[in-house]
C-alpha cells in the first residue's frame, strides 16, 4: 500500500529529514519564520534537536523562552542558536513544525493497521494516534497552542492538514465509505471536527481522557454514517 507513511519512511535518507521535520517542511518551501540554516549533518541535527527540546522543556515548566534561556538550557552558545534561527519566534515555529510533523507521522503510521480493522476500530486507531502526543506531553501541546495562535503559521497548518487528509482519504476509500472527491471532502470534515473536539477536550481537562476519546469517536462515526 502506497501511503503518506511510505513517503515519510523514504525521506529518512533525505537531507531535509532533520530534527523530526519531514519533507512536509523543507528548505525549498515558502514558510514564515523559516530556519536560517537547515541542518544536514548528524551533528547539526543533534544541535537543533537540543535547542528544540530545551524550548519544549521551558514551555512545559512555564519559564522564560528568551533566546538566552533556550541556549543556556540547550547547552549551546547564543551565537550557535542564531546560526539556525532569527529569534525566539523562529525557534517556536520550528518546535511547532517538529510536533506537527510527528503528529502526521504517527497518524500515517497507524493507517495500515486501521485499514485492516473494522470501520469503528479503524477510526479509533487513527484518533488514538492523533492524541498520542497530547497524552505524552499535555503541557507542551497546550502551551504550543497558545503561542502558535500568535504566529504566522498558516502555511504550516495547511501542509499538515493536507498530509492528514491524504491519510484519512486513503482510509475511507479502503473502507468503501466514499471515493475520489467525496472521500476527500469527508476526510477534510473529519480532520476539522476531530481537531476541534480534541482541542476542546484538552482545554477542559489538560489531556484526553477515556470518556472524551469515546465521545470523539462517536461523533466521527456519526459523520461517516451520515455520508
N, C-alpha and C. Protein backbone atom coordinates (compact mmCIF):
# COMPACT_ATOMS: atom_id res chain seq x y z
N UNK A 1 0.84 -1.19 0.00
CA UNK A 1 0.00 0.00 0.00
C UNK A 1 0.89 1.25 0.00
N UNK A 2 0.70 2.13 -0.96
CA UNK A 2 1.46 3.37 -1.01
C UNK A 2 0.68 4.42 -0.22
N UNK A 3 1.25 4.89 0.85
CA UNK A 3 0.58 5.83 1.75
C UNK A 3 1.52 6.98 2.06
N UNK A 4 1.02 8.02 2.75
CA UNK A 4 1.92 9.07 3.20
C UNK A 4 3.07 8.51 4.03
N UNK A 5 2.82 7.44 4.80
CA UNK A 5 3.88 6.85 5.62
C UNK A 5 5.02 6.33 4.75
N UNK A 6 4.68 5.74 3.62
CA UNK A 6 5.72 5.24 2.72
C UNK A 6 6.65 6.36 2.32
N UNK A 7 6.07 7.53 2.01
CA UNK A 7 6.89 8.66 1.61
C UNK A 7 7.75 9.14 2.77
N UNK A 8 7.17 9.15 3.98
CA UNK A 8 7.94 9.59 5.13
C UNK A 8 9.12 8.68 5.40
N UNK A 9 8.90 7.36 5.32
CA UNK A 9 9.98 6.42 5.54
C UNK A 9 11.09 6.62 4.50
N UNK A 10 10.69 6.82 3.26
CA UNK A 10 11.67 7.00 2.20
C UNK A 10 12.50 8.26 2.41
N UNK A 11 11.89 9.26 3.06
CA UNK A 11 12.57 10.54 3.23
C UNK A 11 13.58 10.55 4.37
N UNK A 12 13.67 9.48 5.14
CA UNK A 12 14.61 9.48 6.25
C UNK A 12 16.05 9.56 5.78
N UNK A 13 16.30 9.22 4.52
CA UNK A 13 17.64 9.34 3.98
C UNK A 13 17.85 10.65 3.24
N UNK A 14 16.80 11.49 3.26
CA UNK A 14 16.86 12.78 2.60
C UNK A 14 17.46 13.80 3.55
N UNK A 15 18.38 14.65 3.11
CA UNK A 15 18.98 15.64 3.99
C UNK A 15 17.96 16.56 4.65
N UNK A 16 16.78 16.70 4.05
CA UNK A 16 15.77 17.57 4.64
C UNK A 16 15.06 16.92 5.81
N UNK A 17 15.30 15.62 6.03
CA UNK A 17 14.66 14.94 7.16
C UNK A 17 15.54 15.19 8.38
N UNK A 18 15.21 16.23 9.12
CA UNK A 18 16.05 16.61 10.25
C UNK A 18 15.21 17.10 11.41
N UNK A 19 15.66 16.80 12.61
CA UNK A 19 15.02 17.28 13.83
C UNK A 19 13.53 16.98 13.82
N UNK A 20 13.14 15.83 13.29
CA UNK A 20 11.73 15.47 13.28
C UNK A 20 10.93 16.21 12.22
N UNK A 21 11.58 17.02 11.39
CA UNK A 21 10.88 17.78 10.36
C UNK A 21 11.01 17.05 9.04
N UNK A 22 9.95 16.43 8.58
CA UNK A 22 9.99 15.64 7.35
C UNK A 22 9.87 16.56 6.14
N UNK A 23 9.71 15.97 4.98
CA UNK A 23 9.62 16.78 3.76
C UNK A 23 8.35 17.61 3.73
N UNK A 24 7.46 17.44 4.70
CA UNK A 24 6.31 18.35 4.82
C UNK A 24 6.83 19.78 4.94
N UNK A 25 7.94 19.93 5.65
CA UNK A 25 8.57 21.24 5.83
C UNK A 25 10.02 21.14 5.36
N UNK A 26 10.34 21.80 4.27
CA UNK A 26 11.70 21.73 3.73
C UNK A 26 12.21 23.12 3.40
N UNK A 27 13.50 23.18 3.14
CA UNK A 27 14.14 24.44 2.83
C UNK A 27 13.52 25.12 1.62
N UNK A 28 13.01 24.32 0.70
CA UNK A 28 12.50 24.86 -0.56
C UNK A 28 11.04 25.29 -0.49
N UNK A 29 10.40 25.15 0.68
CA UNK A 29 9.01 25.55 0.80
C UNK A 29 8.91 26.96 1.37
N UNK A 30 7.80 27.61 1.09
CA UNK A 30 7.59 29.00 1.48
C UNK A 30 7.01 29.06 2.89
N UNK A 31 7.88 29.09 3.88
CA UNK A 31 7.45 29.07 5.27
C UNK A 31 7.75 30.40 5.94
N UNK A 32 6.81 30.87 6.74
CA UNK A 32 7.09 32.02 7.59
C UNK A 32 7.98 31.55 8.74
N UNK A 33 8.86 32.43 9.21
CA UNK A 33 9.74 32.10 10.33
C UNK A 33 10.56 30.83 10.05
N UNK A 34 11.00 30.68 8.81
CA UNK A 34 11.81 29.51 8.44
C UNK A 34 13.18 29.60 9.11
N UNK A 35 13.81 28.46 9.37
CA UNK A 35 15.16 28.48 9.95
C UNK A 35 16.15 29.18 9.03
N UNK A 36 17.13 29.80 9.62
CA UNK A 36 18.22 30.36 8.83
C UNK A 36 19.04 29.26 8.18
N UNK A 37 19.17 28.15 8.90
CA UNK A 37 20.01 27.05 8.45
C UNK A 37 19.26 25.75 8.67
N UNK A 38 19.20 24.93 7.62
CA UNK A 38 18.59 23.61 7.72
C UNK A 38 19.71 22.58 7.89
N UNK A 39 19.81 21.94 9.04
CA UNK A 39 20.93 21.03 9.30
C UNK A 39 20.93 19.83 8.36
N UNK A 40 22.11 19.46 7.91
CA UNK A 40 22.26 18.33 7.00
C UNK A 40 23.07 17.19 7.63
N UNK A 41 23.98 17.52 8.50
CA UNK A 41 24.84 16.52 9.13
C UNK A 41 24.29 16.12 10.49
N UNK A 42 24.72 14.96 10.97
CA UNK A 42 24.22 14.44 12.24
C UNK A 42 24.48 15.41 13.39
N UNK A 43 25.66 16.02 13.40
CA UNK A 43 25.99 16.95 14.49
C UNK A 43 25.06 18.16 14.48
N UNK A 44 24.78 18.69 13.30
CA UNK A 44 23.87 19.83 13.19
C UNK A 44 22.46 19.45 13.60
N UNK A 45 22.03 18.24 13.20
CA UNK A 45 20.70 17.78 13.59
C UNK A 45 20.60 17.64 15.10
N UNK A 46 21.66 17.14 15.72
CA UNK A 46 21.67 16.98 17.17
C UNK A 46 21.60 18.34 17.87
N UNK A 47 22.28 19.33 17.31
CA UNK A 47 22.24 20.68 17.88
C UNK A 47 20.84 21.26 17.80
N UNK A 48 20.19 21.13 16.63
CA UNK A 48 18.84 21.65 16.50
C UNK A 48 17.88 20.90 17.42
N UNK A 49 18.02 19.59 17.50
CA UNK A 49 17.17 18.81 18.41
C UNK A 49 17.32 19.30 19.85
N UNK A 50 18.56 19.58 20.26
CA UNK A 50 18.81 20.05 21.62
C UNK A 50 18.14 21.40 21.87
N UNK A 51 18.19 22.28 20.88
CA UNK A 51 17.56 23.60 21.00
C UNK A 51 16.04 23.45 21.11
N UNK A 52 15.46 22.60 20.29
CA UNK A 52 14.01 22.43 20.31
C UNK A 52 13.54 21.73 21.58
N UNK A 53 14.29 20.74 22.05
CA UNK A 53 13.90 20.06 23.28
C UNK A 53 14.02 21.00 24.47
N UNK A 54 15.05 21.83 24.49
CA UNK A 54 15.20 22.82 25.56
C UNK A 54 14.01 23.77 25.57
N UNK A 55 13.58 24.18 24.40
CA UNK A 55 12.41 25.07 24.29
C UNK A 55 11.16 24.38 24.80
N UNK A 56 10.99 23.11 24.44
CA UNK A 56 9.83 22.35 24.90
C UNK A 56 9.81 22.25 26.43
N UNK A 57 10.95 21.99 27.01
CA UNK A 57 11.02 21.86 28.47
C UNK A 57 10.70 23.18 29.16
N UNK A 58 11.21 24.28 28.63
CA UNK A 58 10.93 25.59 29.21
C UNK A 58 9.44 25.92 29.12
N UNK A 59 8.82 25.58 28.01
CA UNK A 59 7.38 25.81 27.86
C UNK A 59 6.60 24.97 28.88
N UNK A 60 6.97 23.73 29.02
CA UNK A 60 6.28 22.85 29.97
C UNK A 60 6.43 23.35 31.41
N UNK A 61 7.57 23.94 31.70
CA UNK A 61 7.83 24.43 33.05
C UNK A 61 7.30 25.84 33.28
N UNK A 62 6.75 26.47 32.24
CA UNK A 62 6.22 27.81 32.37
C UNK A 62 7.29 28.86 32.57
N UNK A 63 8.50 28.59 32.11
CA UNK A 63 9.63 29.52 32.29
C UNK A 63 9.83 30.37 31.04
N UNK A 64 10.71 31.36 31.18
CA UNK A 64 11.01 32.26 30.08
C UNK A 64 11.58 31.48 28.89
N UNK A 65 11.11 31.88 27.69
CA UNK A 65 11.61 31.25 26.46
C UNK A 65 12.38 32.27 25.64
N UNK A 66 13.15 33.11 26.30
CA UNK A 66 14.02 34.01 25.57
C UNK A 66 15.11 33.18 24.88
N UNK A 67 15.73 33.76 23.88
CA UNK A 67 16.78 33.01 23.19
C UNK A 67 17.94 32.69 24.14
N UNK A 68 18.24 33.59 25.06
CA UNK A 68 19.29 33.31 26.03
C UNK A 68 18.94 32.12 26.91
N UNK A 69 17.68 32.07 27.37
CA UNK A 69 17.24 30.97 28.23
C UNK A 69 17.27 29.65 27.47
N UNK A 70 16.85 29.69 26.22
CA UNK A 70 16.84 28.47 25.40
C UNK A 70 18.26 27.97 25.18
N UNK A 71 19.16 28.87 24.81
CA UNK A 71 20.54 28.47 24.55
C UNK A 71 21.19 27.89 25.81
N UNK A 72 20.95 28.55 26.95
CA UNK A 72 21.53 28.05 28.20
C UNK A 72 21.00 26.66 28.53
N UNK A 73 19.69 26.46 28.38
CA UNK A 73 19.09 25.16 28.69
C UNK A 73 19.58 24.09 27.72
N UNK A 74 19.80 24.47 26.47
CA UNK A 74 20.26 23.51 25.45
C UNK A 74 21.74 23.21 25.57
N UNK A 75 22.47 24.04 26.31
CA UNK A 75 23.91 23.84 26.44
C UNK A 75 24.68 24.27 25.22
N UNK A 76 24.15 25.30 24.51
CA UNK A 76 24.84 25.81 23.33
C UNK A 76 25.04 27.32 23.51
N UNK A 77 25.95 27.87 22.76
CA UNK A 77 26.17 29.31 22.80
C UNK A 77 25.05 30.03 22.08
N UNK A 78 24.81 31.28 22.49
CA UNK A 78 23.75 32.05 21.84
C UNK A 78 24.06 32.26 20.37
N UNK A 79 25.35 32.37 20.02
CA UNK A 79 25.73 32.53 18.61
C UNK A 79 25.34 31.29 17.80
N UNK A 80 25.46 30.12 18.43
CA UNK A 80 25.06 28.88 17.75
C UNK A 80 23.57 28.88 17.48
N UNK A 81 22.78 29.30 18.46
CA UNK A 81 21.33 29.36 18.25
C UNK A 81 21.00 30.26 17.07
N UNK A 82 21.67 31.42 17.01
CA UNK A 82 21.36 32.37 15.93
C UNK A 82 21.91 31.91 14.58
N UNK A 83 22.74 30.90 14.55
CA UNK A 83 23.10 30.31 13.27
C UNK A 83 21.89 29.64 12.62
N UNK A 84 20.99 29.14 13.46
CA UNK A 84 19.83 28.40 12.96
C UNK A 84 18.55 29.23 12.90
N UNK A 85 18.41 30.20 13.81
CA UNK A 85 17.14 30.92 13.94
C UNK A 85 17.35 32.42 14.05
N UNK A 86 16.35 33.17 13.55
CA UNK A 86 16.40 34.63 13.65
C UNK A 86 16.09 35.11 15.06
N UNK A 87 15.37 34.31 15.83
CA UNK A 87 14.98 34.72 17.17
C UNK A 87 14.04 33.72 17.80
N UNK A 88 13.43 34.11 18.91
CA UNK A 88 12.57 33.22 19.68
C UNK A 88 11.42 32.67 18.84
N UNK A 89 10.75 33.53 18.07
CA UNK A 89 9.60 33.07 17.29
C UNK A 89 10.01 32.01 16.27
N UNK A 90 11.21 32.14 15.72
CA UNK A 90 11.69 31.14 14.78
C UNK A 90 11.90 29.79 15.45
N UNK A 91 12.39 29.82 16.69
CA UNK A 91 12.57 28.57 17.44
C UNK A 91 11.22 27.93 17.73
N UNK A 92 10.26 28.75 18.18
CA UNK A 92 8.92 28.23 18.48
C UNK A 92 8.29 27.64 17.22
N UNK A 93 8.45 28.33 16.09
CA UNK A 93 7.90 27.82 14.83
C UNK A 93 8.50 26.47 14.47
N UNK A 94 9.82 26.34 14.66
CA UNK A 94 10.47 25.06 14.35
C UNK A 94 10.00 23.96 15.29
N UNK A 95 9.81 24.29 16.57
CA UNK A 95 9.28 23.30 17.51
C UNK A 95 7.88 22.88 17.11
N UNK A 96 7.07 23.86 16.72
CA UNK A 96 5.71 23.55 16.25
C UNK A 96 5.75 22.61 15.05
N UNK A 97 6.66 22.87 14.11
CA UNK A 97 6.76 22.01 12.93
C UNK A 97 7.20 20.60 13.31
N UNK A 98 8.11 20.51 14.26
CA UNK A 98 8.55 19.19 14.72
C UNK A 98 7.38 18.41 15.31
N UNK A 99 6.61 19.07 16.18
CA UNK A 99 5.48 18.40 16.84
C UNK A 99 4.41 18.02 15.81
N UNK A 100 4.08 18.94 14.90
CA UNK A 100 3.03 18.65 13.92
C UNK A 100 3.47 17.59 12.91
N UNK A 101 4.74 17.62 12.52
CA UNK A 101 5.22 16.59 11.60
C UNK A 101 5.18 15.21 12.25
N UNK A 102 5.49 15.17 13.55
CA UNK A 102 5.40 13.90 14.26
C UNK A 102 3.96 13.44 14.37
N UNK A 103 3.02 14.39 14.52
CA UNK A 103 1.61 14.05 14.52
C UNK A 103 1.24 13.37 13.21
N UNK A 104 1.61 13.98 12.09
CA UNK A 104 1.30 13.40 10.78
C UNK A 104 1.96 12.04 10.64
N UNK A 105 3.20 11.92 11.11
CA UNK A 105 3.92 10.65 11.01
C UNK A 105 3.22 9.57 11.84
N UNK A 106 2.75 9.92 13.05
CA UNK A 106 2.08 8.96 13.91
C UNK A 106 0.76 8.49 13.31
N UNK A 107 0.00 9.44 12.77
CA UNK A 107 -1.29 9.08 12.18
C UNK A 107 -1.08 8.21 10.95
N UNK A 108 -0.15 8.58 10.07
CA UNK A 108 0.07 7.77 8.87
C UNK A 108 0.67 6.41 9.22
N UNK A 109 1.40 6.34 10.33
CA UNK A 109 1.93 5.04 10.77
C UNK A 109 0.81 4.10 11.19
N UNK A 110 -0.30 4.68 11.68
CA UNK A 110 -1.44 3.87 12.12
C UNK A 110 -2.36 3.50 10.97
N UNK A 111 -2.10 4.05 9.79
CA UNK A 111 -3.03 3.88 8.68
C UNK A 111 -3.17 2.43 8.24
N UNK A 112 -2.07 1.71 8.08
CA UNK A 112 -2.15 0.33 7.60
C UNK A 112 -2.94 -0.54 8.56
N UNK A 113 -2.70 -0.36 9.87
CA UNK A 113 -3.47 -1.11 10.88
C UNK A 113 -4.94 -0.75 10.79
N UNK A 114 -5.24 0.53 10.70
CA UNK A 114 -6.63 0.99 10.66
C UNK A 114 -7.37 0.44 9.44
N UNK A 115 -6.69 0.34 8.32
CA UNK A 115 -7.32 -0.17 7.10
C UNK A 115 -7.66 -1.66 7.20
N UNK A 116 -6.97 -2.38 8.07
CA UNK A 116 -7.23 -3.80 8.25
C UNK A 116 -8.26 -4.08 9.34
N UNK A 117 -8.73 -3.03 10.01
CA UNK A 117 -9.71 -3.20 11.08
C UNK A 117 -11.11 -2.88 10.58
N UNK A 118 -12.10 -3.10 11.46
CA UNK A 118 -13.45 -2.65 11.14
C UNK A 118 -13.45 -1.13 11.06
N UNK A 119 -14.52 -0.56 10.52
CA UNK A 119 -14.59 0.89 10.36
C UNK A 119 -14.44 1.59 11.71
N UNK A 120 -15.21 1.17 12.70
CA UNK A 120 -15.16 1.83 14.01
C UNK A 120 -13.79 1.65 14.67
N UNK A 121 -13.24 0.44 14.63
CA UNK A 121 -11.95 0.21 15.24
C UNK A 121 -10.85 0.97 14.50
N UNK A 122 -11.00 1.09 13.20
CA UNK A 122 -10.03 1.86 12.43
C UNK A 122 -10.07 3.34 12.80
N UNK A 123 -11.28 3.87 12.95
CA UNK A 123 -11.42 5.26 13.39
C UNK A 123 -10.77 5.43 14.76
N UNK A 124 -11.00 4.47 15.64
CA UNK A 124 -10.42 4.54 16.98
C UNK A 124 -8.89 4.54 16.93
N UNK A 125 -8.32 3.70 16.08
CA UNK A 125 -6.86 3.64 15.96
C UNK A 125 -6.28 4.96 15.48
N UNK A 126 -6.96 5.60 14.53
CA UNK A 126 -6.47 6.86 13.98
C UNK A 126 -6.61 7.99 15.00
N UNK A 127 -7.71 7.99 15.75
CA UNK A 127 -7.89 9.02 16.78
C UNK A 127 -6.87 8.84 17.89
N UNK A 128 -6.64 7.60 18.30
CA UNK A 128 -5.62 7.33 19.32
C UNK A 128 -4.26 7.84 18.87
N UNK A 129 -3.94 7.62 17.60
CA UNK A 129 -2.67 8.11 17.07
C UNK A 129 -2.61 9.63 17.11
N UNK A 130 -3.74 10.28 16.81
CA UNK A 130 -3.78 11.74 16.78
C UNK A 130 -3.60 12.36 18.16
N UNK A 131 -4.05 11.67 19.20
CA UNK A 131 -3.96 12.23 20.56
C UNK A 131 -2.74 11.71 21.32
N UNK A 132 -1.94 10.87 20.67
CA UNK A 132 -0.79 10.28 21.36
C UNK A 132 0.16 11.34 21.92
N UNK A 133 0.49 12.34 21.09
CA UNK A 133 1.42 13.37 21.54
C UNK A 133 0.83 14.17 22.71
N UNK A 134 -0.47 14.45 22.64
CA UNK A 134 -1.11 15.19 23.73
C UNK A 134 -1.04 14.40 25.03
N UNK A 135 -1.21 13.09 24.93
CA UNK A 135 -1.17 12.27 26.13
C UNK A 135 0.25 12.18 26.70
N UNK A 136 1.24 12.18 25.82
CA UNK A 136 2.62 12.07 26.27
C UNK A 136 3.13 13.37 26.88
N UNK A 137 2.78 14.50 26.26
CA UNK A 137 3.27 15.80 26.73
C UNK A 137 2.13 16.82 26.68
N UNK A 138 1.13 16.67 27.56
CA UNK A 138 -0.04 17.54 27.51
C UNK A 138 0.27 19.02 27.73
N UNK A 139 1.22 19.32 28.62
CA UNK A 139 1.54 20.72 28.88
C UNK A 139 2.17 21.38 27.65
N UNK A 140 3.01 20.64 26.96
CA UNK A 140 3.63 21.17 25.75
C UNK A 140 2.57 21.45 24.69
N UNK A 141 1.65 20.51 24.49
CA UNK A 141 0.59 20.69 23.49
C UNK A 141 -0.23 21.93 23.81
N UNK A 142 -0.57 22.10 25.08
CA UNK A 142 -1.39 23.25 25.49
C UNK A 142 -0.65 24.56 25.30
N UNK A 143 0.60 24.62 25.73
CA UNK A 143 1.36 25.86 25.62
C UNK A 143 1.65 26.20 24.15
N UNK A 144 1.93 25.19 23.34
CA UNK A 144 2.18 25.46 21.93
C UNK A 144 0.95 26.03 21.25
N UNK A 145 -0.22 25.50 21.60
CA UNK A 145 -1.46 26.01 21.02
C UNK A 145 -1.62 27.50 21.30
N UNK A 146 -1.31 27.90 22.53
CA UNK A 146 -1.45 29.31 22.91
C UNK A 146 -0.51 30.20 22.10
N UNK A 147 0.73 29.77 21.96
CA UNK A 147 1.74 30.59 21.29
C UNK A 147 1.55 30.58 19.78
N UNK A 148 1.22 29.42 19.23
CA UNK A 148 1.06 29.30 17.78
C UNK A 148 -0.01 30.25 17.25
N UNK A 149 -1.04 30.49 18.05
CA UNK A 149 -2.13 31.36 17.62
C UNK A 149 -1.65 32.78 17.34
N UNK A 150 -0.49 33.15 17.88
CA UNK A 150 0.04 34.50 17.71
C UNK A 150 1.10 34.57 16.62
N UNK A 151 1.40 33.44 15.98
CA UNK A 151 2.46 33.40 14.97
C UNK A 151 1.87 33.13 13.58
N UNK A 152 2.53 33.59 12.52
CA UNK A 152 2.02 33.41 11.15
C UNK A 152 2.35 32.02 10.61
N UNK A 153 1.64 31.02 11.10
CA UNK A 153 1.95 29.64 10.74
C UNK A 153 0.84 29.01 9.89
N UNK A 154 0.11 29.83 9.15
CA UNK A 154 -1.00 29.31 8.35
C UNK A 154 -0.52 28.30 7.32
N UNK A 155 0.62 28.58 6.67
CA UNK A 155 1.15 27.64 5.67
C UNK A 155 1.49 26.31 6.31
N UNK A 156 2.08 26.35 7.50
CA UNK A 156 2.40 25.13 8.23
C UNK A 156 1.15 24.30 8.47
N UNK A 157 0.10 24.95 8.95
CA UNK A 157 -1.13 24.23 9.28
C UNK A 157 -1.76 23.62 8.03
N UNK A 158 -1.71 24.36 6.92
CA UNK A 158 -2.26 23.81 5.68
C UNK A 158 -1.50 22.57 5.24
N UNK A 159 -0.18 22.57 5.38
CA UNK A 159 0.62 21.43 4.96
C UNK A 159 0.31 20.19 5.81
N UNK A 160 0.17 20.39 7.10
CA UNK A 160 -0.16 19.27 7.98
C UNK A 160 -1.56 18.76 7.67
N UNK A 161 -2.50 19.68 7.47
CA UNK A 161 -3.86 19.26 7.15
C UNK A 161 -3.90 18.45 5.86
N UNK A 162 -3.12 18.86 4.87
CA UNK A 162 -3.06 18.12 3.61
C UNK A 162 -2.56 16.70 3.83
N UNK A 163 -1.52 16.55 4.64
CA UNK A 163 -0.96 15.22 4.91
C UNK A 163 -1.97 14.35 5.65
N UNK A 164 -2.61 14.92 6.66
CA UNK A 164 -3.59 14.15 7.44
C UNK A 164 -4.80 13.77 6.58
N UNK A 165 -5.27 14.71 5.76
CA UNK A 165 -6.42 14.42 4.92
C UNK A 165 -6.11 13.35 3.87
N UNK A 166 -4.89 13.33 3.39
CA UNK A 166 -4.48 12.28 2.45
C UNK A 166 -4.58 10.91 3.12
N UNK A 167 -4.13 10.82 4.37
CA UNK A 167 -4.20 9.56 5.09
C UNK A 167 -5.65 9.14 5.33
N UNK A 168 -6.48 10.09 5.75
CA UNK A 168 -7.88 9.76 6.05
C UNK A 168 -8.64 9.41 4.77
N UNK A 169 -8.32 10.07 3.67
CA UNK A 169 -8.95 9.72 2.39
C UNK A 169 -8.62 8.28 2.01
N UNK A 170 -7.36 7.90 2.18
CA UNK A 170 -6.96 6.52 1.91
C UNK A 170 -7.76 5.55 2.77
N UNK A 171 -7.92 5.88 4.04
CA UNK A 171 -8.68 5.03 4.97
C UNK A 171 -10.13 4.90 4.53
N UNK A 172 -10.77 6.00 4.20
CA UNK A 172 -12.18 5.98 3.80
C UNK A 172 -12.39 5.18 2.52
N UNK A 173 -11.48 5.32 1.58
CA UNK A 173 -11.61 4.57 0.33
C UNK A 173 -11.38 3.08 0.58
N UNK A 174 -10.42 2.76 1.43
CA UNK A 174 -10.16 1.35 1.73
C UNK A 174 -11.34 0.72 2.44
N UNK A 175 -12.04 1.51 3.25
CA UNK A 175 -13.21 1.01 3.98
C UNK A 175 -14.49 1.08 3.16
N UNK A 176 -14.39 1.50 1.90
CA UNK A 176 -15.54 1.61 0.99
C UNK A 176 -16.60 2.57 1.50
N UNK A 177 -16.15 3.60 2.21
CA UNK A 177 -17.09 4.62 2.71
C UNK A 177 -17.40 5.63 1.62
N UNK A 178 -16.37 6.10 0.94
CA UNK A 178 -16.52 7.08 -0.13
C UNK A 178 -15.27 7.02 -0.99
N UNK A 179 -15.37 7.61 -2.19
CA UNK A 179 -14.25 7.56 -3.12
C UNK A 179 -14.04 8.92 -3.78
N UNK A 180 -12.80 9.13 -4.24
CA UNK A 180 -12.49 10.33 -5.01
C UNK A 180 -12.75 11.61 -4.24
N UNK A 181 -13.43 12.54 -4.92
CA UNK A 181 -13.71 13.84 -4.33
C UNK A 181 -14.56 13.76 -3.07
N UNK A 182 -15.51 12.83 -3.05
CA UNK A 182 -16.36 12.69 -1.87
C UNK A 182 -15.54 12.22 -0.67
N UNK A 183 -14.63 11.30 -0.90
CA UNK A 183 -13.78 10.82 0.19
C UNK A 183 -12.89 11.96 0.69
N UNK A 184 -12.37 12.75 -0.23
CA UNK A 184 -11.51 13.87 0.15
C UNK A 184 -12.28 14.89 0.97
N UNK A 185 -13.49 15.23 0.53
CA UNK A 185 -14.31 16.20 1.26
C UNK A 185 -14.66 15.69 2.65
N UNK A 186 -15.01 14.41 2.73
CA UNK A 186 -15.35 13.83 4.03
C UNK A 186 -14.12 13.80 4.94
N UNK A 187 -12.96 13.50 4.37
CA UNK A 187 -11.72 13.47 5.16
C UNK A 187 -11.43 14.85 5.75
N UNK A 188 -11.65 15.90 4.97
CA UNK A 188 -11.44 17.27 5.48
C UNK A 188 -12.38 17.54 6.64
N UNK A 189 -13.66 17.18 6.48
CA UNK A 189 -14.64 17.38 7.55
C UNK A 189 -14.21 16.64 8.82
N UNK A 190 -13.79 15.40 8.66
CA UNK A 190 -13.40 14.59 9.82
C UNK A 190 -12.17 15.17 10.52
N UNK A 191 -11.20 15.63 9.75
CA UNK A 191 -9.99 16.22 10.35
C UNK A 191 -10.32 17.49 11.12
N UNK A 192 -11.19 18.33 10.54
CA UNK A 192 -11.56 19.58 11.21
C UNK A 192 -12.35 19.29 12.48
N UNK A 193 -13.31 18.38 12.40
CA UNK A 193 -14.13 18.05 13.56
C UNK A 193 -13.29 17.40 14.65
N UNK A 194 -12.45 16.44 14.28
CA UNK A 194 -11.60 15.77 15.27
C UNK A 194 -10.68 16.77 15.94
N UNK A 195 -10.08 17.66 15.15
CA UNK A 195 -9.18 18.66 15.72
C UNK A 195 -9.89 19.56 16.72
N UNK A 196 -11.12 19.98 16.37
CA UNK A 196 -11.87 20.86 17.27
C UNK A 196 -12.25 20.13 18.55
N UNK A 197 -12.69 18.88 18.44
CA UNK A 197 -13.09 18.11 19.62
C UNK A 197 -11.89 17.83 20.53
N UNK A 198 -10.75 17.53 19.92
CA UNK A 198 -9.54 17.28 20.71
C UNK A 198 -9.11 18.55 21.43
N UNK A 199 -9.18 19.69 20.75
CA UNK A 199 -8.80 20.96 21.37
C UNK A 199 -9.71 21.29 22.55
N UNK A 200 -11.02 21.07 22.39
CA UNK A 200 -11.96 21.35 23.47
C UNK A 200 -11.68 20.44 24.66
N UNK A 201 -11.47 19.16 24.39
CA UNK A 201 -11.19 18.22 25.47
C UNK A 201 -9.91 18.59 26.21
N UNK A 202 -8.89 19.00 25.45
CA UNK A 202 -7.62 19.37 26.07
C UNK A 202 -7.77 20.60 26.95
N UNK A 203 -8.51 21.59 26.46
CA UNK A 203 -8.70 22.80 27.26
C UNK A 203 -9.48 22.52 28.54
N UNK A 204 -10.36 21.53 28.47
CA UNK A 204 -11.22 21.23 29.62
C UNK A 204 -10.48 20.47 30.71
N UNK A 205 -9.66 19.49 30.34
CA UNK A 205 -9.00 18.65 31.33
C UNK A 205 -7.48 18.63 31.25
N UNK A 206 -6.92 19.23 30.20
CA UNK A 206 -5.47 19.23 30.05
C UNK A 206 -4.95 18.05 29.28
N UNK A 207 -5.75 17.00 29.15
CA UNK A 207 -5.37 15.82 28.39
C UNK A 207 -6.64 15.15 27.89
N UNK A 208 -6.51 14.06 27.15
CA UNK A 208 -7.66 13.38 26.58
C UNK A 208 -7.96 12.14 27.43
N UNK A 209 -9.09 12.17 28.13
CA UNK A 209 -9.49 11.04 28.97
C UNK A 209 -10.26 10.01 28.14
N UNK A 210 -10.47 8.82 28.73
CA UNK A 210 -11.12 7.73 28.00
C UNK A 210 -12.53 8.09 27.56
N UNK A 211 -13.29 8.76 28.44
CA UNK A 211 -14.66 9.11 28.07
C UNK A 211 -14.69 10.15 26.95
N UNK A 212 -13.71 11.07 26.96
CA UNK A 212 -13.63 12.06 25.90
C UNK A 212 -13.23 11.42 24.58
N UNK A 213 -12.34 10.46 24.65
CA UNK A 213 -11.94 9.73 23.45
C UNK A 213 -13.14 9.00 22.85
N UNK A 214 -13.93 8.35 23.68
CA UNK A 214 -15.12 7.64 23.21
C UNK A 214 -16.11 8.60 22.56
N UNK A 215 -16.26 9.78 23.15
CA UNK A 215 -17.18 10.78 22.59
C UNK A 215 -16.69 11.25 21.22
N UNK A 216 -15.40 11.49 21.07
CA UNK A 216 -14.85 11.91 19.79
C UNK A 216 -15.10 10.85 18.72
N UNK A 217 -14.90 9.59 19.08
CA UNK A 217 -15.13 8.50 18.12
C UNK A 217 -16.59 8.43 17.72
N UNK A 218 -17.49 8.58 18.69
CA UNK A 218 -18.93 8.56 18.38
C UNK A 218 -19.31 9.68 17.42
N UNK A 219 -18.77 10.86 17.66
CA UNK A 219 -19.07 11.99 16.80
C UNK A 219 -18.57 11.77 15.37
N UNK A 220 -17.37 11.24 15.26
CA UNK A 220 -16.82 10.99 13.92
C UNK A 220 -17.58 9.88 13.20
N UNK A 221 -17.96 8.86 13.92
CA UNK A 221 -18.75 7.78 13.31
C UNK A 221 -20.09 8.29 12.83
N UNK A 222 -20.69 9.21 13.58
CA UNK A 222 -21.98 9.77 13.16
C UNK A 222 -21.83 10.53 11.85
N UNK A 223 -20.75 11.26 11.70
CA UNK A 223 -20.50 11.99 10.46
C UNK A 223 -20.28 11.01 9.30
N UNK A 224 -19.50 9.97 9.54
CA UNK A 224 -19.23 8.98 8.50
C UNK A 224 -20.51 8.26 8.08
N UNK A 225 -21.32 7.86 9.05
CA UNK A 225 -22.53 7.10 8.77
C UNK A 225 -23.61 7.96 8.09
N UNK A 226 -23.46 9.27 8.23
CA UNK A 226 -24.41 10.16 7.55
C UNK A 226 -24.04 10.38 6.09
N UNK A 227 -22.88 9.90 5.70
CA UNK A 227 -22.41 10.08 4.31
C UNK A 227 -23.29 9.31 3.33
